[in-house]
Each structure stands twice: as C-alpha cells, then as structure tokens.
C-alpha atoms as a PDB file:
ATOM      1  CA  UNK A   1       9.044  -4.573  10.334  1.00  0.00           C
ATOM      2  CA  UNK A   2      10.803  -3.367   7.155  1.00  0.00           C
ATOM      3  CA  UNK A   3      12.545  -6.656   6.523  1.00  0.00           C
ATOM      4  CA  UNK A   4      12.334  -7.009   2.731  1.00  0.00           C
ATOM      5  CA  UNK A   5      14.810  -5.540   0.287  1.00  0.00           C
ATOM      6  CA  UNK A   6      13.105  -4.053  -2.725  1.00  0.00           C
ATOM      7  CA  UNK A   7      11.840  -0.913  -4.384  1.00  0.00           C
ATOM      8  CA  UNK A   8       9.254   1.369  -2.827  1.00  0.00           C
ATOM      9  CA  UNK A   9       6.203   1.601  -5.095  1.00  0.00           C
ATOM     10  CA  UNK A  10       5.599   5.203  -4.023  1.00  0.00           C
ATOM     11  CA  UNK A  11       9.043   6.841  -4.357  1.00  0.00           C
ATOM     12  CA  UNK A  12      10.566   4.156  -6.651  1.00  0.00           C
ATOM     13  CA  UNK A  13      13.809   4.055  -4.638  1.00  0.00           C
ATOM     14  CA  UNK A  14      15.587   0.890  -3.516  1.00  0.00           C
ATOM     15  CA  UNK A  15      15.070   0.416   0.238  1.00  0.00           C
ATOM     16  CA  UNK A  16      13.976  -1.898   2.992  1.00  0.00           C
ATOM     17  CA  UNK A  17      10.217  -2.146   2.423  1.00  0.00           C
ATOM     18  CA  UNK A  18       7.015  -3.312   4.048  1.00  0.00           C
ATOM     19  CA  UNK A  19       4.338  -5.130   2.048  1.00  0.00           C
ATOM     20  CA  UNK A  20       0.823  -3.681   1.882  1.00  0.00           C
ATOM     21  CA  UNK A  21      -2.183  -5.383   0.315  1.00  0.00           C
ATOM     22  CA  UNK A  22      -5.203  -3.759  -1.299  1.00  0.00           C
ATOM     23  CA  UNK A  23      -8.634  -5.357  -0.827  1.00  0.00           C
ATOM     24  CA  UNK A  24      -8.496  -6.601  -4.430  1.00  0.00           C
ATOM     25  CA  UNK A  25      -5.368  -8.601  -3.606  1.00  0.00           C
ATOM     26  CA  UNK A  26      -2.779  -6.330  -5.218  1.00  0.00           C
ATOM     27  CA  UNK A  27       0.481  -6.116  -3.260  1.00  0.00           C
ATOM     28  CA  UNK A  28       2.566  -2.977  -3.028  1.00  0.00           C
ATOM     29  CA  UNK A  29       5.670  -2.141  -1.032  1.00  0.00           C
ATOM     30  CA  UNK A  30       6.502   1.021   0.929  1.00  0.00           C
ATOM     31  CA  UNK A  31       9.726   2.263   2.484  1.00  0.00           C
ATOM     32  CA  UNK A  32       9.851   3.839   5.930  1.00  0.00           C
ATOM     33  CA  UNK A  33       9.602   7.349   4.426  1.00  0.00           C
ATOM     34  CA  UNK A  34       6.483   6.545   2.364  1.00  0.00           C
ATOM     35  CA  UNK A  35       4.763   4.133   4.735  1.00  0.00           C
ATOM     36  CA  UNK A  36       2.365   6.636   6.347  1.00  0.00           C
ATOM     37  CA  UNK A  37       1.250   7.908   2.946  1.00  0.00           C
ATOM     38  CA  UNK A  38       0.896   4.327   1.676  1.00  0.00           C
ATOM     39  CA  UNK A  39      -1.379   3.394   4.595  1.00  0.00           C
ATOM     40  CA  UNK A  40      -3.602   6.421   3.924  1.00  0.00           C
ATOM     41  CA  UNK A  41      -3.687   5.720   0.184  1.00  0.00           C
ATOM     42  CA  UNK A  42      -4.540   2.044   0.624  1.00  0.00           C
ATOM     43  CA  UNK A  43      -7.194   2.725   3.262  1.00  0.00           C
ATOM     44  CA  UNK A  44      -8.898   5.327   1.042  1.00  0.00           C
ATOM     45  CA  UNK A  45      -8.874   2.950  -1.928  1.00  0.00           C
ATOM     46  CA  UNK A  46     -10.206   0.038   0.120  1.00  0.00           C
ATOM     47  CA  UNK A  47     -13.006   2.150   1.623  1.00  0.00           C
ATOM     48  CA  UNK A  48     -14.036   3.392  -1.836  1.00  0.00           C
ATOM     49  CA  UNK A  49     -14.035  -0.159  -3.194  1.00  0.00           C
ATOM     50  CA  UNK A  50     -16.158  -1.439  -0.301  1.00  0.00           C
ATOM     51  CA  UNK A  51     -18.595   1.436  -0.719  1.00  0.00           C
ATOM     52  CA  UNK A  52     -18.888   0.695  -4.438  1.00  0.00           C
ATOM     53  CA  UNK A  53     -19.564  -2.989  -3.682  1.00  0.00           C
ATOM     54  CA  UNK A  54     -22.285  -2.059  -1.179  1.00  0.00           C
ATOM     55  CA  UNK A  55     -24.054   0.118  -3.772  1.00  0.00           C
ATOM     56  CA  UNK A  56     -24.475  -2.775  -6.221  1.00  0.00           C
END
C-alpha cells in the first residue's frame, strides 16, 4: 500500500507514502500517520468542488 518513498504533503516528513488524487487532478502524498486525515481532507474538497459545479 505505502510503496513509494517520498515526503508526506501533510506533515512534510520523509516516509513511505500513498498517492491521493483530488478531483481536479492534483496529486498529493500521505504517510501512514497522516493518511486518515488526508482521506477526509480530500473527500471534503472533492464534495465541495462537485457541489460548486452543480450550482453553475
């Protein structure tokens, strides 16, 4: 699962990371310690973006 070496975009520490993708295509990486928060953050952003698109 966490098979990439890199820096976590949430805590900024070097670690094994997992890639996450926002609905706008941006890619961010989270370590095991930040992964739950990253999933919540990305889901909230994606839902807000979809809602904004539906209001247009």
